[in-house]
Protein backbone atom coordinates (compact mmCIF):
# COMPACT_ATOMS: atom_id res chain seq x y z
CA UNK A 1 72.32 -159.47 -78.06
CA UNK A 2 75.74 -159.11 -79.54
CA UNK A 3 77.17 -156.01 -81.37
CA UNK A 4 79.94 -155.65 -83.82
CA UNK A 5 81.85 -152.78 -84.54
CA UNK A 6 84.01 -151.99 -87.97
CA UNK A 7 86.60 -149.74 -87.94
CA UNK A 8 88.46 -148.60 -91.21
CA UNK A 9 91.11 -146.21 -91.34
CA UNK A 10 93.72 -144.96 -93.70
CA UNK A 11 96.46 -142.19 -93.31
CA UNK A 12 93.73 -139.20 -93.43
CA UNK A 13 90.70 -140.43 -91.58
CA UNK A 14 89.20 -143.25 -89.70
CA UNK A 15 85.40 -144.16 -89.62
CA UNK A 16 83.45 -146.68 -87.54
CA UNK A 17 80.04 -148.35 -87.60
CA UNK A 18 78.45 -150.63 -84.94
CA UNK A 19 75.58 -152.99 -85.70
CA UNK A 20 73.65 -154.78 -82.95
CA UNK A 21 71.66 -157.75 -83.33
CA UNK A 22 69.14 -158.50 -81.15
CA UNK A 23 68.10 -162.24 -80.49
CA UNK A 24 64.44 -163.14 -79.41
CA UNK A 25 62.70 -166.03 -78.19
CA UNK A 26 59.31 -166.44 -79.85
CA UNK A 27 55.76 -166.01 -78.80
CA UNK A 28 53.57 -168.87 -79.01
CA UNK A 29 49.36 -168.95 -79.34
CA UNK A 30 46.94 -170.99 -80.42
CA UNK A 31 44.26 -173.41 -79.15
CA UNK A 32 44.29 -176.96 -77.44
CA UNK A 33 41.59 -179.63 -76.14
CA UNK A 34 44.15 -181.43 -73.93
CA UNK A 35 43.26 -181.11 -69.93
CA UNK A 36 46.92 -180.14 -69.42
CA UNK A 37 48.79 -177.38 -71.20
CA UNK A 38 52.69 -178.11 -71.14
CA UNK A 39 55.52 -177.51 -73.50
CA UNK A 40 54.91 -180.34 -75.81
CA UNK A 41 51.39 -179.16 -76.66
CA UNK A 42 52.43 -175.75 -77.07
CA UNK A 43 55.30 -176.48 -79.77
CA UNK A 44 52.95 -178.94 -81.28
CA UNK A 45 49.83 -176.76 -81.52
CA UNK A 46 50.96 -173.32 -81.31
CA UNK A 47 51.78 -170.67 -84.03
CA UNK A 48 55.08 -169.14 -83.59
CA UNK A 49 55.72 -165.03 -83.81
CA UNK A 50 59.13 -164.10 -83.76
CA UNK A 51 59.17 -160.26 -82.63
CA UNK A 52 60.60 -158.08 -79.88
CA UNK A 53 58.63 -157.32 -76.60
CA UNK A 54 55.61 -155.30 -77.86
CA UNK A 55 52.01 -155.67 -78.00
CA UNK A 56 50.66 -158.32 -79.94
CA UNK A 57 47.46 -158.50 -81.88
CA UNK A 58 46.41 -161.88 -83.04
CA UNK A 59 43.08 -162.93 -84.84
CA UNK A 60 41.98 -166.41 -83.96
CA UNK A 61 39.23 -169.21 -84.64
CA UNK A 62 38.68 -172.19 -82.74
CA UNK A 63 36.10 -174.73 -81.96
CA UNK A 64 35.62 -176.44 -78.71
CA UNK A 65 39.20 -175.75 -77.43
CA UNK A 66 40.96 -173.55 -75.19
CA UNK A 67 43.19 -170.65 -75.89
CA UNK A 68 46.77 -170.03 -75.15
CA UNK A 69 49.46 -167.27 -75.37
CA UNK A 70 53.01 -167.91 -74.16
CA UNK A 71 56.16 -165.34 -74.20
CA UNK A 72 59.36 -165.20 -72.49
CA UNK A 73 59.24 -164.36 -68.44
CA UNK A 74 61.72 -161.63 -68.90
CA UNK A 75 59.00 -159.55 -70.59
CA UNK A 76 57.04 -159.26 -67.34
CA UNK A 77 53.27 -159.56 -66.87
CA UNK A 78 50.79 -158.15 -69.59
CA UNK A 79 48.60 -155.01 -68.36
CA UNK A 80 45.33 -156.38 -70.21
CA UNK A 81 43.92 -158.64 -72.89
CA UNK A 82 41.39 -157.04 -75.08
CA UNK A 83 38.99 -158.20 -77.96
CA UNK A 84 38.43 -156.26 -80.95
CA UNK A 85 35.69 -154.08 -79.14
CA UNK A 86 38.25 -153.19 -76.64
CA UNK A 87 36.60 -155.48 -73.65
CA UNK A 88 39.12 -156.68 -71.18
CA UNK A 89 39.54 -160.36 -70.78
CA UNK A 90 42.51 -160.15 -68.37
CA UNK A 91 40.58 -161.89 -65.55
CA UNK A 92 39.13 -164.67 -67.63
CA UNK A 93 43.17 -165.71 -68.39
CA UNK A 94 44.84 -167.98 -65.82
CA UNK A 95 48.55 -167.43 -65.91
CA UNK A 96 51.11 -170.04 -65.17
CA UNK A 97 54.90 -170.46 -65.68
CA UNK A 98 56.36 -172.85 -67.87
CA UNK A 99 59.88 -173.95 -69.46
CA UNK A 100 59.54 -173.92 -73.41
CA UNK A 101 62.91 -175.01 -75.02
CA UNK A 102 64.76 -174.44 -71.59
CA UNK A 103 63.39 -170.71 -71.43
CA UNK A 104 60.86 -169.86 -68.80
CA UNK A 105 57.82 -168.54 -70.20
CA UNK A 106 54.71 -167.01 -69.10
CA UNK A 107 51.38 -168.77 -70.35
CA UNK A 108 48.07 -167.07 -70.33
CA UNK A 109 45.45 -169.52 -71.24
CA UNK A 110 41.62 -169.40 -71.33
CA UNK A 111 40.48 -172.72 -69.44
CA UNK A 112 36.86 -173.10 -70.76
CA UNK A 113 36.22 -174.75 -73.85
CA UNK A 114 34.80 -172.41 -76.65
CA UNK A 115 33.92 -172.00 -80.54
CA UNK A 116 34.69 -168.71 -82.08
CA UNK A 117 35.01 -167.55 -85.42
CA UNK A 118 37.63 -164.79 -86.09
CA UNK A 119 38.32 -163.13 -82.74
CA UNK A 120 40.91 -160.37 -82.31
CA UNK A 121 42.69 -160.54 -79.03
CA UNK A 122 45.20 -157.79 -78.09
CA UNK A 123 47.89 -158.94 -75.45
CA UNK A 124 48.87 -155.79 -74.31
CA UNK A 125 52.62 -154.79 -72.19
CA UNK A 126 52.10 -151.30 -72.55
CA UNK A 127 48.93 -149.10 -72.57
CA UNK A 128 47.56 -148.19 -76.21
CA UNK A 129 44.19 -147.16 -78.01
CA UNK A 130 41.23 -147.95 -75.87
């Protein structure tokens, strides 16, 4: 993060305005068929979300593949992963730590292959809704 302050003044008054710019590392999500999920697979198969730390709702479709969701390690662990019916999937996801573009990431992955059309996953940092 970085901030800039502009100060303008004349003989009578002084005005000040500060702007803060927040830099974030992207989230990655998607599916894969390879036996090993690594940085190369995430960067080539993943969709990217540029956003601050907050709950992410993602619609996915996949055929005979596995699913992953990755985000910067500094965000901490998820408290839950739910589908569109508010059923928890957190225990179905394995967690590992990987470096992506030299940044430490937590990667949640479903290791069993499946086929699904339009499932909605909520990756939850802070409690919400159901």
